[in-house]
Protein backbone atom coordinates (compact mmCIF):
# COMPACT_ATOMS: atom_id res chain seq x y z
CA MET A 1 -131.17 -11.36 -59.77
CA LYS A 2 -130.76 -7.60 -59.70
CA ILE A 3 -128.39 -7.82 -56.82
CA VAL A 4 -126.11 -10.27 -58.48
CA LEU A 5 -126.02 -8.17 -61.54
CA LEU A 6 -125.46 -5.15 -59.47
CA LEU A 7 -122.46 -6.80 -57.74
CA ALA A 8 -120.99 -8.19 -61.02
CA SER A 9 -121.20 -4.88 -62.74
CA THR A 10 -119.66 -3.04 -59.66
CA PHE A 11 -116.84 -5.53 -59.63
CA LEU A 12 -116.21 -4.96 -63.36
CA VAL A 13 -116.27 -1.23 -62.92
CA PHE A 14 -113.78 -1.50 -60.09
CA ILE A 15 -111.44 -3.48 -62.24
CA ALA A 16 -111.88 -1.30 -65.15
CA GLY A 17 -111.28 1.81 -63.10
CA CYS A 18 -108.10 0.38 -61.61
CA VAL A 19 -106.80 -0.78 -65.01
CA LEU A 20 -107.67 2.31 -66.99
CA SER A 21 -106.35 4.69 -64.42
CA GLY A 22 -102.94 2.95 -64.16
CA SER A 23 -101.13 4.74 -67.07
CA PRO A 24 -102.43 8.22 -66.43
CA ALA A 25 -101.57 7.85 -62.66
CA TRP A 26 -98.12 6.67 -63.55
CA ARG A 27 -97.60 9.73 -65.92
CA TRP A 28 -99.14 12.22 -63.28
CA LEU A 29 -96.92 10.76 -60.55
CA GLU A 30 -93.73 11.13 -62.67
CA LYS A 31 -94.69 14.78 -63.29
CA VAL A 32 -95.24 15.32 -59.68
CA ARG A 33 -92.00 13.71 -58.68
CA THR A 34 -89.79 15.43 -61.13
CA GLU A 35 -87.71 17.99 -59.27
CA THR A 36 -86.22 21.18 -60.46
CA VAL A 37 -82.48 21.40 -59.91
CA GLU A 38 -81.14 24.68 -58.88
CA THR A 39 -78.04 25.05 -56.77
CA ASN A 40 -77.68 21.67 -54.99
CA VAL A 41 -77.20 19.12 -57.93
CA PRO A 42 -77.88 15.54 -56.67
CA ALA A 43 -74.85 13.24 -56.78
CA HIS A 44 -76.84 10.77 -59.02
CA PHE A 45 -77.59 13.36 -61.53
CA PRO A 46 -76.78 11.71 -64.94
CA ILE A 47 -74.54 13.33 -67.65
CA LEU A 48 -73.27 12.03 -71.05
CA VAL A 49 -69.73 10.92 -71.20
CA ARG A 50 -67.53 9.42 -73.77
CA THR A 51 -65.22 6.65 -72.51
CA LEU A 52 -61.56 6.04 -73.31
CA ASP A 53 -60.41 9.56 -73.33
CA GLY A 54 -63.32 10.52 -75.82
CA ASN A 55 -62.58 7.67 -78.23
CA GLY A 56 -64.89 5.03 -76.87
CA PRO A 57 -68.66 4.48 -76.66
CA PHE A 58 -71.00 6.83 -75.07
CA ALA A 59 -71.97 6.16 -71.56
CA VAL A 60 -73.69 7.76 -68.48
CA ALA A 61 -71.77 9.12 -65.45
CA ASN A 62 -72.90 10.96 -62.41
CA TYR A 63 -72.42 14.71 -62.09
CA GLY A 64 -69.11 15.47 -60.82
CA GLU A 65 -68.14 11.80 -60.33
CA GLN A 66 -66.97 10.69 -63.69
CA ASP A 67 -64.09 8.53 -64.34
CA SER A 68 -60.54 10.09 -65.17
CA ASP A 69 -60.56 8.62 -68.66
CA ASP A 70 -64.14 9.75 -69.47
CA ARG A 71 -64.76 12.95 -71.37
CA ILE A 72 -68.02 14.94 -70.67
CA VAL A 73 -69.84 15.66 -73.83
CA VAL A 74 -70.28 19.30 -74.07
CA ASP A 75 -70.06 19.69 -77.90
CA PHE A 76 -72.90 18.13 -79.82
CA ASP A 77 -72.08 19.37 -83.29
CA ASN A 78 -70.37 16.19 -84.30
CA VAL A 79 -72.47 13.80 -82.10
CA ASP A 80 -74.92 11.50 -83.89
CA PRO A 81 -77.95 10.95 -81.49
CA GLU A 82 -78.54 7.52 -82.97
CA THR A 83 -74.99 6.42 -82.04
CA VAL A 84 -75.63 7.61 -78.51
CA LYS A 85 -78.87 5.79 -78.20
CA ARG A 86 -77.41 2.65 -79.60
CA ASP A 87 -74.41 2.81 -77.14
CA LEU A 88 -76.71 3.51 -74.18
CA ASN A 89 -79.15 0.74 -75.15
CA LEU A 90 -76.25 -1.75 -75.14
CA LEU A 91 -75.49 -0.95 -71.55
CA SER A 92 -78.75 -2.32 -70.63
CA HIS A 93 -79.51 -5.93 -70.54
CA HIS A 94 -82.62 -5.17 -72.66
CA GLY A 95 -80.34 -4.87 -75.91
CA GLU A 96 -80.68 -2.45 -78.72
CA HIS A 97 -83.72 -0.16 -79.18
CA ALA A 98 -85.15 -1.42 -75.84
CA SER A 99 -85.75 2.18 -74.50
CA GLU A 100 -85.11 5.81 -75.37
CA TYR A 101 -82.15 6.74 -73.11
CA PHE A 102 -81.10 9.89 -74.89
CA ALA A 103 -82.95 12.72 -76.55
CA ILE A 104 -82.06 16.22 -77.80
CA VAL A 105 -84.96 18.33 -76.31
CA ASN A 106 -84.11 21.85 -77.71
CA ARG A 107 -81.39 23.35 -79.79
CA GLY A 108 -80.63 27.05 -79.84
CA ALA A 109 -77.80 29.03 -81.45
CA ASP A 110 -75.52 28.86 -78.43
CA PHE A 111 -77.17 25.93 -76.27
CA ILE A 112 -78.56 22.42 -76.47
CA GLU A 113 -80.99 20.86 -73.97
CA VAL A 114 -80.96 17.04 -73.55
CA SER A 115 -82.69 14.50 -71.58
CA LEU A 116 -80.66 11.55 -70.40
CA ARG A 117 -81.99 8.43 -68.81
CA VAL A 118 -79.63 6.08 -66.99
CA PRO A 119 -79.65 2.50 -68.57
CA GLU A 120 -80.73 0.23 -65.85
CA ASP A 121 -81.33 -3.44 -65.45
CA SER A 122 -83.79 -2.94 -62.44
CA GLU A 123 -87.11 -1.30 -61.98
CA SER A 124 -85.55 1.88 -60.95
CA LYS A 125 -85.47 4.95 -63.18
CA CYS A 126 -83.25 8.14 -63.23
CA VAL A 127 -83.74 10.80 -65.93
CA GLY A 128 -81.85 14.05 -65.87
CA TRP A 129 -82.58 17.04 -68.13
CA TYR A 130 -79.86 19.57 -68.54
CA ARG A 131 -78.57 22.41 -70.84
CA VAL A 132 -75.17 22.56 -72.39
CA GLN A 133 -74.13 26.19 -72.88
CA GLN A 134 -70.60 27.53 -73.58
CA GLY A 135 -69.01 24.27 -72.58
CA ALA A 136 -70.77 24.06 -69.17
CA ILE A 137 -73.47 21.71 -67.96
CA LEU A 138 -76.38 23.42 -66.38
CA PRO A 139 -78.63 20.81 -64.70
CA GLN A 140 -82.42 21.66 -64.96
CA ARG A 141 -84.71 18.76 -63.65
CA ILE A 142 -84.37 15.32 -62.46
CA LEU A 143 -86.77 12.40 -62.00
CA ALA A 144 -85.63 9.35 -59.85
CA TYR A 145 -87.42 6.44 -58.38
CA GLY A 146 -87.11 2.90 -57.43
CA PRO A 147 -89.39 -0.27 -57.46
CA GLY A 148 -91.73 1.15 -54.83
CA PHE A 149 -92.95 3.82 -57.27
CA ALA A 150 -95.42 1.18 -58.68
CA PHE A 151 -96.89 0.71 -55.33
CA ASP A 152 -97.75 4.45 -55.13
CA VAL A 153 -99.33 4.15 -58.60
CA MET A 154 -101.37 1.29 -57.53
CA LYS A 155 -102.80 3.11 -54.44
CA ILE A 156 -103.99 5.79 -56.94
CA SER A 157 -105.57 3.11 -59.11
CA LEU A 158 -107.30 1.46 -56.28
CA VAL A 159 -108.71 4.80 -55.05
CA VAL A 160 -109.98 5.55 -58.61
CA GLY A 161 -111.40 2.05 -58.97
CA SER A 162 -113.02 2.00 -55.56
CA THR A 163 -114.55 5.40 -56.27
CA CYS A 164 -116.12 4.30 -59.55
CA ALA A 165 -117.35 1.14 -58.00
CA ALA A 166 -118.96 2.91 -55.12
CA ILE A 167 -120.74 5.29 -57.48
CA VAL A 168 -122.10 2.39 -59.40
CA LEU A 169 -123.18 0.51 -56.30
CA ALA A 170 -124.82 3.46 -54.83
CA SER A 171 -126.52 4.18 -57.94
CA GLY A 172 -127.66 0.65 -58.44
CA ILE A 173 -128.96 0.44 -54.77
CA PHE A 174 -130.86 3.60 -55.25
CA TRP A 175 -132.53 2.35 -58.53
CA ILE A 176 -133.26 -1.10 -57.07
CA ARG A 177 -135.07 0.43 -54.23
CA ARG A 178 -136.96 3.03 -56.29
CA SER A 179 -138.21 0.24 -58.54
CA GLN A 180 -139.26 -1.83 -55.44
CA THR A 181 -141.12 1.28 -54.16
CA ARG A 182 -142.94 1.67 -57.52
CA VAL A 183 -143.92 -2.02 -57.48
CA LYS A 184 -145.51 -1.56 -53.97
CA ASP A 185 -147.31 1.39 -54.99
CA ASP A 186 -148.94 -0.18 -57.97
C-alpha cells in the first residue's frame, strides 16, 4: 500500500511540477531570447506606421521595408495610444482587445520609447522595443520566435517536474526502507 501511495504522489508531484513551472519557464525563456539590437537591425524589426500617406489606420511595417504610402510614426504628441491599440488589434483575427500590441514604455523631454508587437494570426511572436528621438528610430531590443518555442518551454517544465518527482520518490523510498528497518529491529 505504501508503494502505491508513493507512486501516486510521485506522479501528482510530477504533473504539478510541470504545470506550475510552465509560466515562469515561458517568461524566463522570453527574457533569455530577447536580443539587444545595436548596429545590425534585423529586417523583421517592427516599426509603427500610419497607412494612406499618414491619414489611414496605424499598422506595423518592417524596419527599412515600409510601403511608399506608409508614414513612419516619429511624432507621438498627437497620437492616441488607444487608437493605435485598436487599429493593431483589428489587424489580428482575434479582434478588438485581444492583445496589447503597442505600449509607451518611457517618455522623456526629447524622446519616447515604445514596444510594438506584430499582430499575428499564428503562434509566432515578434516584439520590438525602440526609441524615437529627434525624428529618428533607434532600435533597442527584439524578441522573435515561432511555434517551436513552446517545445523549448515544455523541455524546461519536464525537467522541473522530473526533478521534483525524483526527490519525492527518493525521499519516499528512504522513509519506507527506514520504517521497515524499525519494524525488524522491534
